[in-house]
Amino acid sequence: MAESAAQIQKLKLLGLTRTEAEVFLALRRESGGTPISAYKVAQSMGRDPANLGKTLAALEKQGAVRLTQDKPRLYLPVDPATFTEVRLARLQEVGENLVAELAQDQPELPPTGLCLALPGNEAAIEQTRRMLESAREQVFLFGSQEVVQHLADILATVAGQDQLSLRVICAGDGPLDESLSAVDLSLVPMNAGLSRFCPQPFLQLMVDNRLWLQALFNRPEADPAPCGWWVDDPGMAGVAAALFHQCWTLKQAPEWPGAIPAPDADEKSSQPDSPAYQAGVLGSVQAGSSAPSAHGGAFPAPPPEPAADSQTQEEDQSQDEDEDDGFQFIVKHD
């Protein structure tokens, strides 16, 4: 009896009612592999044959039993393996349809507004790909050539989607992969300031004015800080997208905080390889103050006061001693 109860429970999971499961098991016991009437099954179960006929008709509709003769009506149970396979396929079909319907009716989830850390290179690339795959309207991407090349396959896929705008600013000297030929891309040389302040591969991504990601790759293994952050927030993504749009209009890379302009090719002293240029650049950095400026750089240290000669200092000191300070001293002698 315990075995029948467990079998009834499993048949219920396949979509049968308790009564249908009990009749199916009774039909298997009584038939012995030969067709049997509803009357004999009802007798073995002690039930009304009229009601049992309705249950057998329902089982036939679900593929659990087979009608072998109409007059008188005789039934055979379907092989359990066949019946189970048919029921599982049907349940899978119903489940897939339900998931599709719920996905269409599900309201758009509100943005979280919480920045989430990207612990390493793999996490940053994986999140970048997820964001690109979810894009529906527009994508702005600014990154170094190494990162853009690494994402060439998915960028080409995104570029091929209708009604989706993809713009890429690539900081590098080329050449680029042929698969990027279909991408609306602007190649910006790595100027002296950008390459020195950001020598590592980097990426900034904005998707649908909602998703924003920024990452700096190949950080030292000993560095516990995350390599980047991403957020689902229209405000932050909108600000980054507005900056990107302005830079795209000017066809130049977004200004890196504290970046030094590219050297003037007409002046030898401004060439990056020249000792004069390197001395000037390194000197300005070493002498700079750590106080942050409005644009995120560092204010240069104020010029030192000119040193006064020793004679001038002695004259100033003597003058200070001779000046009347407004006090009168009376000396009394005994």
Protein backbone atom coordinates (compact mmCIF):
# COMPACT_ATOMS: atom_id res chain seq x y z
CA MET A 1 0.00 0.00 0.00
CA ALA A 2 2.90 2.33 0.79
CA GLU A 3 4.37 1.59 -2.64
CA SER A 4 1.03 2.50 -4.30
CA ALA A 5 0.87 5.76 -2.35
CA ALA A 6 4.35 6.73 -3.57
CA GLN A 7 3.46 5.81 -7.15
CA ILE A 8 0.25 7.82 -6.95
CA GLN A 9 2.24 10.86 -5.80
CA LYS A 10 4.66 10.54 -8.74
CA LEU A 11 1.79 10.17 -11.21
CA LYS A 12 0.26 13.33 -9.77
CA LEU A 13 3.53 15.15 -10.54
CA LEU A 14 3.06 14.08 -14.16
CA GLY A 15 -0.33 15.80 -14.24
CA LEU A 16 -2.80 13.07 -13.21
CA THR A 17 -5.38 13.50 -10.48
CA ARG A 18 -5.42 11.11 -7.52
CA THR A 19 -8.45 9.24 -8.96
CA GLU A 20 -6.82 8.96 -12.39
CA ALA A 21 -3.60 7.65 -10.83
CA GLU A 22 -5.49 5.03 -8.80
CA VAL A 23 -7.43 3.82 -11.86
CA PHE A 24 -4.25 3.68 -13.97
CA LEU A 25 -2.50 1.49 -11.38
CA ALA A 26 -5.59 -0.76 -10.98
CA LEU A 27 -5.84 -1.21 -14.75
CA ARG A 28 -2.18 -2.33 -14.84
CA ARG A 29 -2.75 -4.85 -12.06
CA GLU A 30 -5.98 -6.36 -13.44
CA SER A 31 -5.31 -6.39 -17.19
CA GLY A 32 -2.27 -8.69 -17.12
CA GLY A 33 -1.35 -7.44 -20.59
CA THR A 34 -4.79 -8.15 -22.12
CA PRO A 35 -7.63 -5.66 -22.77
CA ILE A 36 -10.07 -5.27 -19.87
CA SER A 37 -13.44 -3.60 -19.40
CA ALA A 38 -14.26 -0.71 -17.07
CA TYR A 39 -16.69 -2.99 -15.22
CA LYS A 40 -13.92 -5.42 -14.14
CA VAL A 41 -11.65 -2.57 -13.05
CA ALA A 42 -14.52 -1.06 -11.04
CA GLN A 43 -15.19 -4.40 -9.38
CA SER A 44 -11.55 -4.75 -8.30
CA MET A 45 -11.61 -1.24 -6.82
CA GLY A 46 -15.17 -1.44 -5.37
CA ARG A 47 -16.34 1.60 -7.33
CA ASP A 48 -19.25 2.58 -9.57
CA PRO A 49 -18.59 1.43 -13.19
CA ALA A 50 -20.39 4.51 -14.56
CA ASN A 51 -18.02 6.92 -12.83
CA LEU A 52 -15.00 4.79 -13.73
CA GLY A 53 -15.85 5.09 -17.43
CA LYS A 54 -15.41 8.88 -17.25
CA THR A 55 -12.04 8.48 -15.56
CA LEU A 56 -10.83 6.00 -18.22
CA ALA A 57 -11.91 8.43 -20.95
CA ALA A 58 -9.81 11.17 -19.28
CA LEU A 59 -6.81 8.82 -19.06
CA GLU A 60 -7.18 7.96 -22.74
CA LYS A 61 -7.13 11.67 -23.61
CA GLN A 62 -3.90 12.12 -21.64
CA GLY A 63 -2.23 9.15 -23.32
CA ALA A 64 -2.15 6.90 -20.24
CA VAL A 65 -4.52 4.19 -21.55
CA ARG A 66 -5.54 2.96 -24.99
CA LEU A 67 -9.03 1.94 -26.15
CA THR A 68 -8.69 -1.38 -27.99
CA GLN A 69 -12.40 -2.19 -28.61
CA ASP A 70 -15.51 -0.02 -28.73
CA LYS A 71 -18.28 -2.59 -28.06
CA PRO A 72 -17.84 -3.66 -25.42
CA ARG A 73 -15.25 -0.97 -24.48
CA LEU A 74 -11.95 -2.58 -23.56
CA TYR A 75 -8.81 -0.78 -22.35
CA LEU A 76 -5.08 -1.43 -22.10
CA PRO A 77 -2.61 0.67 -20.06
CA VAL A 78 0.10 2.41 -22.10
CA ASP A 79 3.67 1.40 -21.39
CA PRO A 80 4.90 3.60 -18.50
CA ALA A 81 8.07 4.62 -20.37
CA THR A 82 6.06 5.86 -23.36
CA PHE A 83 3.47 7.60 -21.19
CA THR A 84 6.14 9.30 -19.06
CA GLU A 85 8.08 10.51 -22.10
CA VAL A 86 4.96 12.03 -23.65
CA ARG A 87 3.94 13.72 -20.39
CA LEU A 88 7.42 15.18 -19.81
CA ALA A 89 7.55 16.59 -23.32
CA ARG A 90 4.15 18.15 -22.81
CA LEU A 91 5.13 19.64 -19.47
CA GLN A 92 8.31 21.08 -20.95
CA GLU A 93 6.31 22.71 -23.73
CA VAL A 94 3.87 24.19 -21.24
CA GLY A 95 6.74 25.44 -19.08
CA GLU A 96 8.52 27.15 -21.99
CA ASN A 97 5.31 28.87 -23.08
CA LEU A 98 4.69 30.07 -19.53
CA VAL A 99 8.19 31.49 -19.21
CA ALA A 100 7.81 33.38 -22.50
CA GLU A 101 4.46 34.83 -21.43
CA LEU A 102 5.76 35.92 -18.04
CA ALA A 103 8.83 37.52 -19.63
CA GLN A 104 6.58 39.67 -21.82
CA ASP A 105 4.33 40.71 -18.96
CA GLN A 106 7.13 41.39 -16.46
CA PRO A 107 7.51 45.13 -15.79
CA GLU A 108 10.91 46.73 -16.21
CA LEU A 109 12.85 46.54 -12.97
CA PRO A 110 13.82 49.91 -11.48
CA PRO A 111 17.51 50.80 -11.49
CA THR A 112 19.36 49.94 -8.33
CA GLY A 113 21.66 52.97 -8.28
CA LEU A 114 24.25 50.92 -6.38
CA CYS A 115 27.80 50.72 -7.74
CA LEU A 116 29.02 47.13 -7.86
CA ALA A 117 32.71 46.23 -7.84
CA LEU A 118 34.47 44.33 -10.60
CA PRO A 119 37.12 42.28 -8.77
CA GLY A 120 39.30 41.44 -11.76
CA ASN A 121 39.82 41.39 -15.52
CA GLU A 122 37.53 38.40 -16.17
CA ALA A 123 34.67 39.88 -14.16
CA ALA A 124 35.00 43.19 -15.99
CA ILE A 125 34.99 41.58 -19.44
CA GLU A 126 32.08 39.29 -18.54
CA GLN A 127 29.98 42.20 -17.25
CA THR A 128 30.89 44.25 -20.33
CA ARG A 129 29.65 41.48 -22.61
CA ARG A 130 26.41 41.14 -20.63
CA MET A 131 25.77 44.86 -20.91
CA LEU A 132 26.47 44.87 -24.66
CA GLU A 133 24.15 41.88 -25.18
CA SER A 134 21.36 43.69 -23.31
CA ALA A 135 21.66 46.88 -25.39
CA ARG A 136 18.50 47.94 -27.21
CA GLU A 137 18.95 51.60 -28.20
CA GLN A 138 22.47 53.01 -27.95
CA VAL A 139 25.98 52.10 -26.84
CA PHE A 140 28.89 54.47 -26.19
CA LEU A 141 32.30 52.88 -25.61
CA PHE A 142 35.63 54.55 -24.94
CA GLY A 143 38.60 52.27 -24.42
CA SER A 144 42.19 51.49 -25.24
CA GLN A 145 42.99 49.57 -28.39
CA GLU A 146 43.77 46.32 -26.52
CA VAL A 147 40.31 46.23 -24.93
CA VAL A 148 38.46 47.21 -28.11
CA GLN A 149 40.30 44.48 -30.03
CA HIS A 150 39.36 41.94 -27.32
CA LEU A 151 35.68 42.86 -27.70
CA ALA A 152 35.76 42.93 -31.52
CA ASP A 153 33.40 39.95 -31.96
CA ILE A 154 30.56 41.24 -29.79
CA LEU A 155 31.00 44.82 -31.02
CA ALA A 156 30.56 43.57 -34.58
CA THR A 157 27.40 41.71 -33.50
CA VAL A 158 25.97 44.78 -31.76
CA ALA A 159 26.79 46.96 -34.78
CA GLY A 160 24.70 44.65 -36.97
CA GLN A 161 21.52 45.13 -34.93
CA ASP A 162 18.80 47.32 -36.41
CA GLN A 163 17.64 50.42 -34.53
CA LEU A 164 20.70 50.35 -32.27
CA SER A 165 23.36 53.06 -32.30
CA LEU A 166 26.93 52.01 -31.47
CA ARG A 167 29.78 54.51 -31.28
CA VAL A 168 33.31 53.65 -30.22
CA ILE A 169 36.26 55.91 -29.43
CA CYS A 170 39.41 53.80 -29.51
CA ALA A 171 42.61 55.19 -27.99
CA GLY A 172 45.47 53.66 -29.91
CA ASP A 173 47.64 53.85 -32.99
CA GLY A 174 46.08 50.98 -34.98
CA PRO A 175 45.77 48.97 -37.09
CA LEU A 176 42.44 47.47 -35.98
CA ASP A 177 40.89 44.06 -36.61
CA GLU A 178 38.94 43.75 -39.87
CA SER A 179 35.85 42.63 -37.95
CA LEU A 180 35.59 46.18 -36.59
CA SER A 181 35.14 47.65 -40.07
CA ALA A 182 31.35 47.70 -39.62
CA VAL A 183 31.62 49.55 -36.29
CA ASP A 184 31.17 53.33 -36.16
CA LEU A 185 34.61 53.90 -34.65
CA SER A 186 36.91 56.87 -34.16
CA LEU A 187 40.60 56.08 -33.64
CA VAL A 188 42.35 58.62 -31.42
CA PRO A 189 46.15 58.46 -30.99
CA MET A 190 47.44 57.97 -27.46
CA ASN A 191 48.84 61.44 -26.75
CA ALA A 192 51.60 62.04 -24.23
CA GLY A 193 49.28 62.92 -21.37
CA LEU A 194 46.81 60.07 -21.81
CA SER A 195 49.46 57.40 -22.29
CA ARG A 196 51.43 58.53 -19.24
CA PHE A 197 48.51 58.95 -16.88
CA CYS A 198 46.80 55.76 -18.05
CA PRO A 199 49.44 53.30 -19.31
CA GLN A 200 47.17 50.30 -18.59
CA PRO A 201 44.29 49.09 -20.82
CA PHE A 202 41.06 50.85 -19.83
CA LEU A 203 37.38 50.89 -20.70
CA GLN A 204 34.36 53.11 -20.16
CA LEU A 205 30.95 51.88 -21.35
CA MET A 206 27.47 53.44 -21.38
CA VAL A 207 24.43 51.42 -22.50
CA ASP A 208 20.92 52.81 -23.16
CA ASN A 209 21.55 55.84 -20.92
CA ARG A 210 21.18 53.49 -17.98
CA LEU A 211 24.11 51.12 -17.54
CA TRP A 212 27.60 52.49 -16.88
CA LEU A 213 30.90 50.66 -16.45
CA GLN A 214 34.47 51.77 -15.97
CA ALA A 215 37.46 49.48 -15.60
CA LEU A 216 41.26 49.59 -15.51
CA PHE A 217 42.80 46.28 -16.55
CA ASN A 218 46.04 44.44 -15.68
CA ARG A 219 46.30 45.85 -12.17
CA PRO A 220 49.06 44.41 -9.95
CA GLU A 221 48.05 41.11 -8.37
CA ALA A 222 48.96 42.42 -4.92
CA ASP A 223 46.56 45.36 -5.30
CA PRO A 224 43.40 44.52 -3.29
CA ALA A 225 41.32 47.24 -4.94
CA PRO A 226 38.78 46.23 -7.64
CA CYS A 227 39.69 46.85 -11.25
CA GLY A 228 36.45 48.73 -11.90
CA TRP A 229 32.81 49.43 -11.13
CA TRP A 230 29.46 49.22 -12.84
CA VAL A 231 26.05 50.60 -11.98
CA ASP A 232 22.46 50.47 -13.20
CA ASP A 233 21.59 54.13 -12.81
CA PRO A 234 20.28 56.58 -15.47
CA GLY A 235 21.82 59.58 -13.73
CA MET A 236 25.42 58.37 -13.73
CA ALA A 237 25.15 56.79 -17.17
CA GLY A 238 23.55 59.95 -18.55
CA VAL A 239 26.41 62.17 -17.37
CA ALA A 240 29.02 59.84 -18.87
CA ALA A 241 27.04 59.58 -22.13
CA ALA A 242 26.77 63.37 -22.40
CA LEU A 243 30.56 63.73 -22.06
CA PHE A 244 31.11 60.99 -24.63
CA HIS A 245 28.70 62.65 -27.06
CA GLN A 246 30.59 65.93 -26.86
CA CYS A 247 33.89 64.17 -27.42
CA TRP A 248 32.42 62.23 -30.33
CA THR A 249 31.27 65.48 -31.93
CA LEU A 250 34.81 66.84 -31.62
CA LYS A 251 36.27 63.44 -32.64
CA GLN A 252 38.71 63.37 -29.75
CA ALA A 253 39.13 61.27 -26.65
CA PRO A 254 37.56 62.43 -23.38
CA GLU A 255 40.00 64.55 -21.40
CA TRP A 256 41.85 62.48 -18.87
CA PRO A 257 42.22 64.21 -15.48
CA GLY A 258 45.54 66.00 -15.39
CA ALA A 259 46.49 65.01 -18.94
CA ILE A 260 49.38 66.90 -20.52
CA PRO A 261 48.76 68.21 -24.07
CA ALA A 262 50.59 66.53 -26.91
CA PRO A 263 54.01 68.10 -27.58
CA ASP A 264 54.45 70.66 -30.33
CA ALA A 265 56.28 68.99 -33.19
CA ASP A 266 57.87 72.31 -34.24
CA GLU A 267 59.72 72.81 -30.99
CA LYS A 268 62.62 70.52 -30.17
CA SER A 269 62.38 71.23 -26.46
CA SER A 270 58.78 69.97 -26.44
CA GLN A 271 59.54 66.59 -27.98
CA PRO A 272 58.82 63.70 -25.55
CA ASP A 273 62.24 62.18 -26.27
CA SER A 274 64.16 65.36 -25.64
CA PRO A 275 65.91 65.85 -22.28
CA ALA A 276 64.42 69.33 -21.95
CA TYR A 277 60.86 68.04 -22.32
CA GLN A 278 61.38 65.13 -19.91
CA ALA A 279 63.03 67.39 -17.36
CA GLY A 280 60.14 69.85 -17.58
CA VAL A 281 57.46 67.18 -17.29
CA LEU A 282 59.10 65.26 -14.48
CA GLY A 283 60.03 68.43 -12.68
CA SER A 284 56.45 69.73 -12.75
CA VAL A 285 55.16 66.43 -11.39
CA GLN A 286 57.77 66.10 -8.65
CA ALA A 287 57.33 69.69 -7.53
CA GLY A 288 53.55 69.58 -7.71
CA SER A 289 51.36 69.94 -4.66
CA SER A 290 49.02 67.14 -3.62
CA ALA A 291 46.08 69.55 -3.28
CA PRO A 292 43.37 68.52 -5.78
CA SER A 293 42.36 70.97 -8.47
CA ALA A 294 38.89 71.56 -9.87
CA HIS A 295 39.51 69.16 -12.76
CA GLY A 296 40.93 66.37 -10.61
CA GLY A 297 44.62 67.06 -11.25
CA ALA A 298 47.12 68.62 -8.86
CA PHE A 299 47.94 72.25 -8.42
CA PRO A 300 51.62 73.06 -9.04
CA ALA A 301 53.59 74.13 -6.01
CA PRO A 302 53.90 77.92 -5.65
CA PRO A 303 57.23 79.32 -6.85
CA PRO A 304 59.79 79.73 -4.05
CA GLU A 305 60.39 83.18 -2.62
CA PRO A 306 63.56 84.83 -4.00
CA ALA A 307 66.44 84.59 -1.54
CA ALA A 308 67.57 87.94 -0.15
CA ASP A 309 71.30 88.67 0.18
CA SER A 310 72.90 88.76 3.64
CA GLN A 311 73.56 92.51 3.61
CA THR A 312 69.92 93.34 3.01
CA GLN A 313 68.83 91.00 5.79
CA GLU A 314 71.26 92.68 8.30
CA GLU A 315 70.03 96.16 7.36
CA ASP A 316 66.41 95.13 7.84
CA GLN A 317 67.22 93.64 11.24
CA SER A 318 69.09 96.77 12.37
CA GLN A 319 66.23 98.95 11.21
CA ASP A 320 63.78 96.90 13.21
CA GLU A 321 65.89 97.31 16.37
CA ASP A 322 66.20 101.11 15.98
CA GLU A 323 62.53 101.77 15.37
CA ASP A 324 60.55 103.32 18.25
CA ASP A 325 58.08 100.78 19.47
CA GLY A 326 56.13 103.32 21.58
CA PHE A 327 57.43 102.21 24.99
CA GLN A 328 59.59 104.40 27.32
CA PHE A 329 61.99 102.84 29.79
CA ILE A 330 63.28 104.66 32.88
CA VAL A 331 66.54 103.46 34.37
CA LYS A 332 67.05 104.35 38.08
CA HIS A 333 70.53 104.41 39.61
CA ASP A 334 71.10 104.20 43.35
